[in-house]
Amino acid sequence: PTGQNNLCSLDLLHTAGLVNYFGKSMPLDKIQISPLLLQKGETRLALYGLGSIRDERLHRMFLKKDVSMLRPKEHQDGWFNIFVLHQN
């Protein structure tokens, strides 16, 4: 993503409701990751995503506890959690 507001074509497709684009983090001083919640029958999946951030920066952020993941409010212990990380 480049330009004003770091927009890319996926942002437009997400806004139009054509794709679920997740993992984009702004700002980069503290990151709070919200999951995509998927449920089929009794199976519950919380899918967390984080877009590409330089390794050194992300490492420092984890050390300083500047990365947090939100938990679902209902059935807190009933979710299977998956964390998807995009790194180059």
C-alpha atoms as a PDB file:
ATOM      1  CA  PRO A   1       0.000   0.000   0.000  1.00  0.00           C
ATOM      2  CA  THR A   2       1.238   3.448  -0.924  1.00  0.00           C
ATOM      3  CA  GLY A   3      -0.070   6.954  -1.287  1.00  0.00           C
ATOM      4  CA  GLN A   4      -2.507   8.806   0.904  1.00  0.00           C
ATOM      5  CA  ASN A   5      -3.870   6.624   3.757  1.00  0.00           C
ATOM      6  CA  ASN A   6      -1.775   3.657   2.504  1.00  0.00           C
ATOM      7  CA  LEU A   7      -4.638   2.395   0.330  1.00  0.00           C
ATOM      8  CA  CYS A   8      -4.338  -0.469  -2.104  1.00  0.00           C
ATOM      9  CA  SER A   9      -6.737  -2.261  -4.433  1.00  0.00           C
ATOM     10  CA  LEU A  10      -7.623  -4.782  -1.701  1.00  0.00           C
ATOM     11  CA  ASP A  11      -8.894  -1.924   0.480  1.00  0.00           C
ATOM     12  CA  LEU A  12     -11.369  -1.018  -2.264  1.00  0.00           C
ATOM     13  CA  LEU A  13     -12.501  -4.622  -2.733  1.00  0.00           C
ATOM     14  CA  HIS A  14     -12.967  -4.942   1.040  1.00  0.00           C
ATOM     15  CA  THR A  15     -15.006  -1.721   1.196  1.00  0.00           C
ATOM     16  CA  ALA A  16     -17.223  -3.023  -1.618  1.00  0.00           C
ATOM     17  CA  GLY A  17     -17.813  -6.224   0.387  1.00  0.00           C
ATOM     18  CA  LEU A  18     -16.174  -8.472  -2.213  1.00  0.00           C
ATOM     19  CA  VAL A  19     -13.311  -9.785  -0.035  1.00  0.00           C
ATOM     20  CA  ASN A  20     -12.498 -10.044   3.652  1.00  0.00           C
ATOM     21  CA  TYR A  21      -9.208  -8.141   3.888  1.00  0.00           C
ATOM     22  CA  PHE A  22      -7.737  -8.513   7.347  1.00  0.00           C
ATOM     23  CA  GLY A  23      -4.372  -8.058   9.016  1.00  0.00           C
ATOM     24  CA  LYS A  24      -3.759  -4.422   8.101  1.00  0.00           C
ATOM     25  CA  SER A  25      -2.276  -2.526  11.059  1.00  0.00           C
ATOM     26  CA  MET A  26      -2.343   1.225  11.511  1.00  0.00           C
ATOM     27  CA  PRO A  27      -0.778   2.912  13.432  1.00  0.00           C
ATOM     28  CA  LEU A  28       2.455   1.025  14.015  1.00  0.00           C
ATOM     29  CA  ASP A  29       3.245   2.164  17.570  1.00  0.00           C
ATOM     30  CA  LYS A  30       0.702  -0.173  19.227  1.00  0.00           C
ATOM     31  CA  ILE A  31      -1.134  -2.925  17.406  1.00  0.00           C
ATOM     32  CA  GLN A  32      -4.444  -4.361  18.570  1.00  0.00           C
ATOM     33  CA  ILE A  33      -5.521  -7.356  16.493  1.00  0.00           C
ATOM     34  CA  SER A  34      -9.234  -8.127  16.191  1.00  0.00           C
ATOM     35  CA  PRO A  35     -10.146 -11.613  14.967  1.00  0.00           C
ATOM     36  CA  LEU A  36     -12.489 -12.637  12.204  1.00  0.00           C
ATOM     37  CA  LEU A  37     -15.021 -14.860  13.962  1.00  0.00           C
ATOM     38  CA  LEU A  38     -16.320 -17.832  11.997  1.00  0.00           C
ATOM     39  CA  GLN A  39     -18.842 -20.353  13.266  1.00  0.00           C
ATOM     40  CA  LYS A  40     -20.426 -23.432  11.752  1.00  0.00           C
ATOM     41  CA  GLY A  41     -22.604 -25.436  14.086  1.00  0.00           C
ATOM     42  CA  GLU A  42     -20.733 -25.800  17.375  1.00  0.00           C
ATOM     43  CA  THR A  43     -17.319 -25.138  15.792  1.00  0.00           C
ATOM     44  CA  ARG A  44     -15.947 -21.653  16.464  1.00  0.00           C
ATOM     45  CA  LEU A  45     -12.845 -20.217  14.799  1.00  0.00           C
ATOM     46  CA  ALA A  46     -11.119 -16.944  15.709  1.00  0.00           C
ATOM     47  CA  LEU A  47      -8.816 -15.976  12.834  1.00  0.00           C
ATOM     48  CA  TYR A  48      -6.182 -13.362  13.690  1.00  0.00           C
ATOM     49  CA  GLY A  49      -4.073 -11.701  10.997  1.00  0.00           C
ATOM     50  CA  LEU A  50      -1.088  -9.390  10.884  1.00  0.00           C
ATOM     51  CA  GLY A  51       0.275  -7.810   7.713  1.00  0.00           C
ATOM     52  CA  SER A  52       3.915  -7.402   6.806  1.00  0.00           C
ATOM     53  CA  ILE A  53       6.008  -5.474   9.343  1.00  0.00           C
ATOM     54  CA  ARG A  54       9.812  -5.483   9.373  1.00  0.00           C
ATOM     55  CA  ASP A  55      11.161  -8.316  11.533  1.00  0.00           C
ATOM     56  CA  GLU A  56      13.216  -6.059  13.799  1.00  0.00           C
ATOM     57  CA  ARG A  57      10.323  -3.700  14.447  1.00  0.00           C
ATOM     58  CA  LEU A  58       7.834  -6.498  15.107  1.00  0.00           C
ATOM     59  CA  HIS A  59      10.307  -8.209  17.461  1.00  0.00           C
ATOM     60  CA  ARG A  60      10.721  -4.989  19.473  1.00  0.00           C
ATOM     61  CA  MET A  61       6.955  -4.505  19.591  1.00  0.00           C
ATOM     62  CA  PHE A  62       6.395  -8.006  20.977  1.00  0.00           C
ATOM     63  CA  LEU A  63       9.157  -7.467  23.566  1.00  0.00           C
ATOM     64  CA  LYS A  64       7.550  -4.195  24.703  1.00  0.00           C
ATOM     65  CA  LYS A  65       4.110  -5.871  24.696  1.00  0.00           C
ATOM     66  CA  ASP A  66       2.854  -3.380  22.112  1.00  0.00           C
ATOM     67  CA  VAL A  67       1.000  -6.139  20.233  1.00  0.00           C
ATOM     68  CA  SER A  68      -2.263  -7.380  21.718  1.00  0.00           C
ATOM     69  CA  MET A  69      -4.986  -9.686  20.464  1.00  0.00           C
ATOM     70  CA  LEU A  70      -8.626  -9.144  21.347  1.00  0.00           C
ATOM     71  CA  ARG A  71     -10.618 -12.138  22.569  1.00  0.00           C
ATOM     72  CA  PRO A  72     -14.223 -12.913  21.623  1.00  0.00           C
ATOM     73  CA  LYS A  73     -16.596 -11.805  24.398  1.00  0.00           C
ATOM     74  CA  GLU A  74     -18.958 -14.749  24.199  1.00  0.00           C
ATOM     75  CA  HIS A  75     -17.847 -18.364  24.781  1.00  0.00           C
ATOM     76  CA  GLN A  76     -14.304 -17.165  25.548  1.00  0.00           C
ATOM     77  CA  ASP A  77     -12.891 -20.662  26.027  1.00  0.00           C
ATOM     78  CA  GLY A  78     -14.831 -22.193  23.148  1.00  0.00           C
ATOM     79  CA  TRP A  79     -12.823 -20.764  20.243  1.00  0.00           C
ATOM     80  CA  PHE A  80     -10.077 -22.383  18.175  1.00  0.00           C
ATOM     81  CA  ASN A  81      -7.510 -19.626  17.506  1.00  0.00           C
ATOM     82  CA  ILE A  82      -5.374 -19.293  14.369  1.00  0.00           C
ATOM     83  CA  PHE A  83      -2.807 -16.532  13.873  1.00  0.00           C
ATOM     84  CA  VAL A  84      -1.823 -15.719  10.275  1.00  0.00           C
ATOM     85  CA  LEU A  85       1.390 -13.733   9.844  1.00  0.00           C
ATOM     86  CA  HIS A  86       2.574 -12.210   6.544  1.00  0.00           C
ATOM     87  CA  GLN A  87       6.304 -11.512   6.422  1.00  0.00           C
ATOM     88  CA  ASN A  88       8.597 -10.946   3.448  1.00  0.00           C
END
